[in-house]
Amino acid sequence: MLVAFSVSPTGGESDGVAAAVAEAVRVVRESGLPNETNAMFTLIEGEWDEVMAVVKRATEVVQATAPRVGLVLKADIRPGYTGQLRAKVERVERHLAEGASGE
């Protein structure tokens, strides 16, 4: 399963969220599960229970810094498939490369 999630504090005294988000990302990276972070989301791959446990811990570390937390989560649940964090992107890149060579 792949999960893309974004967690951030809201309602605090500061508009800056980077420090709290960094702590959430640290939880993900320390989990040992395949992951990547971009400007909008952190993606994580693994089995349902292990991925959701990491999302929960990441949310809890943000919650420790703010009176309110926003969480956005999107999941691709496809039993029997692993390595999709990279494979999905590679398939798209192949199609793009084929389109470029066919012009």
Protein backbone atom coordinates (compact mmCIF):
# COMPACT_ATOMS: atom_id res chain seq x y z
CA MET A 1 0.00 0.00 0.00
CA LEU A 2 1.09 3.51 -0.77
CA VAL A 3 -0.01 6.42 1.39
CA ALA A 4 0.50 10.08 0.62
CA PHE A 5 -0.13 12.24 3.64
CA SER A 6 0.33 15.76 4.85
CA VAL A 7 0.16 16.71 8.50
CA SER A 8 0.61 20.20 9.89
CA PRO A 9 -0.21 22.22 12.97
CA THR A 10 -2.96 24.82 12.87
CA GLY A 11 -4.19 27.32 15.39
CA GLY A 12 -0.84 28.04 17.01
CA GLU A 13 0.80 31.39 17.59
CA SER A 14 3.19 31.06 14.64
CA ASP A 15 2.56 30.81 10.92
CA GLY A 16 5.67 28.63 10.55
CA VAL A 17 5.03 24.90 10.32
CA ALA A 18 8.43 23.66 9.14
CA ALA A 19 9.77 22.57 12.53
CA ALA A 20 6.66 20.53 13.37
CA VAL A 21 6.52 19.02 9.88
CA ALA A 22 10.21 18.11 10.14
CA GLU A 23 9.46 16.12 13.29
CA ALA A 24 6.70 14.24 11.46
CA VAL A 25 9.06 13.49 8.57
CA ARG A 26 11.67 12.28 11.07
CA VAL A 27 9.14 9.73 12.38
CA VAL A 28 8.56 8.49 8.84
CA ARG A 29 12.25 8.24 8.00
CA GLU A 30 13.06 6.46 11.24
CA SER A 31 10.32 3.90 10.51
CA GLY A 32 12.54 2.19 7.94
CA LEU A 33 9.69 2.00 5.43
CA PRO A 34 10.28 3.23 1.87
CA ASN A 35 9.36 6.92 1.76
CA GLU A 36 9.90 10.23 0.08
CA THR A 37 8.94 13.79 0.89
CA ASN A 38 8.11 16.57 -1.53
CA ALA A 39 6.77 20.10 -1.09
CA MET A 40 3.21 18.93 -0.48
CA PHE A 41 3.19 15.35 0.83
CA THR A 42 5.17 12.55 2.36
CA LEU A 43 4.73 9.17 0.66
CA ILE A 44 5.24 5.94 2.53
CA GLU A 45 4.95 2.32 1.41
CA GLY A 46 4.22 -0.79 3.42
CA GLU A 47 1.49 -2.96 4.88
CA TRP A 48 -1.71 -1.34 6.17
CA ASP A 49 -1.00 -1.65 9.90
CA GLU A 50 2.62 -0.52 9.72
CA VAL A 51 1.90 2.46 7.45
CA MET A 52 -1.06 3.63 9.52
CA ALA A 53 0.96 3.29 12.72
CA VAL A 54 3.63 5.58 11.26
CA VAL A 55 1.01 8.12 10.10
CA LYS A 56 -0.48 8.05 13.60
CA ARG A 57 2.91 8.62 15.28
CA ALA A 58 3.75 11.42 12.84
CA THR A 59 0.41 13.08 13.61
CA GLU A 60 0.98 12.73 17.34
CA VAL A 61 4.37 14.49 17.22
CA VAL A 62 2.77 17.42 15.41
CA GLN A 63 -0.14 17.40 17.83
CA ALA A 64 2.32 17.81 20.69
CA THR A 65 3.21 21.27 19.31
CA ALA A 66 -0.20 22.69 18.45
CA PRO A 67 -3.76 22.86 19.72
CA ARG A 68 -5.07 21.64 16.38
CA VAL A 69 -3.71 19.46 13.55
CA GLY A 70 -4.71 19.07 9.91
CA LEU A 71 -4.20 15.67 8.26
CA VAL A 72 -4.73 14.87 4.58
CA LEU A 73 -4.34 11.25 3.53
CA LYS A 74 -4.64 9.43 0.20
CA ALA A 75 -4.03 5.69 -0.15
CA ASP A 76 -3.42 3.29 -3.04
CA ILE A 77 -4.37 -0.12 -1.66
CA ARG A 78 -3.16 -2.85 -4.01
CA PRO A 79 -2.41 -6.14 -2.23
CA GLY A 80 0.48 -8.18 -3.57
CA TYR A 81 2.41 -5.23 -5.00
CA THR A 82 5.56 -3.77 -3.48
CA GLY A 83 8.13 -1.30 -4.78
CA GLN A 84 5.40 0.90 -6.20
CA LEU A 85 6.83 4.08 -4.71
CA ARG A 86 9.33 4.10 -7.57
CA ALA A 87 7.69 1.75 -10.09
CA LYS A 88 4.64 3.96 -10.67
CA VAL A 89 6.86 6.92 -11.54
CA GLU A 90 9.11 4.79 -13.74
CA ARG A 91 6.09 3.64 -15.79
CA VAL A 92 5.03 7.24 -16.40
CA GLU A 93 8.59 8.23 -17.33
CA ARG A 94 8.74 5.36 -19.86
CA HIS A 95 5.58 6.62 -21.52
CA LEU A 96 6.95 10.14 -21.64
CA ALA A 97 10.21 8.92 -23.18
CA GLU A 98 8.31 6.90 -25.81
CA GLY A 99 6.22 9.94 -26.70
CA ALA A 100 9.32 12.10 -27.09
CA SER A 101 11.03 9.62 -29.41
CA GLY A 102 7.93 9.22 -31.55
CA GLU A 103 7.75 12.89 -32.56
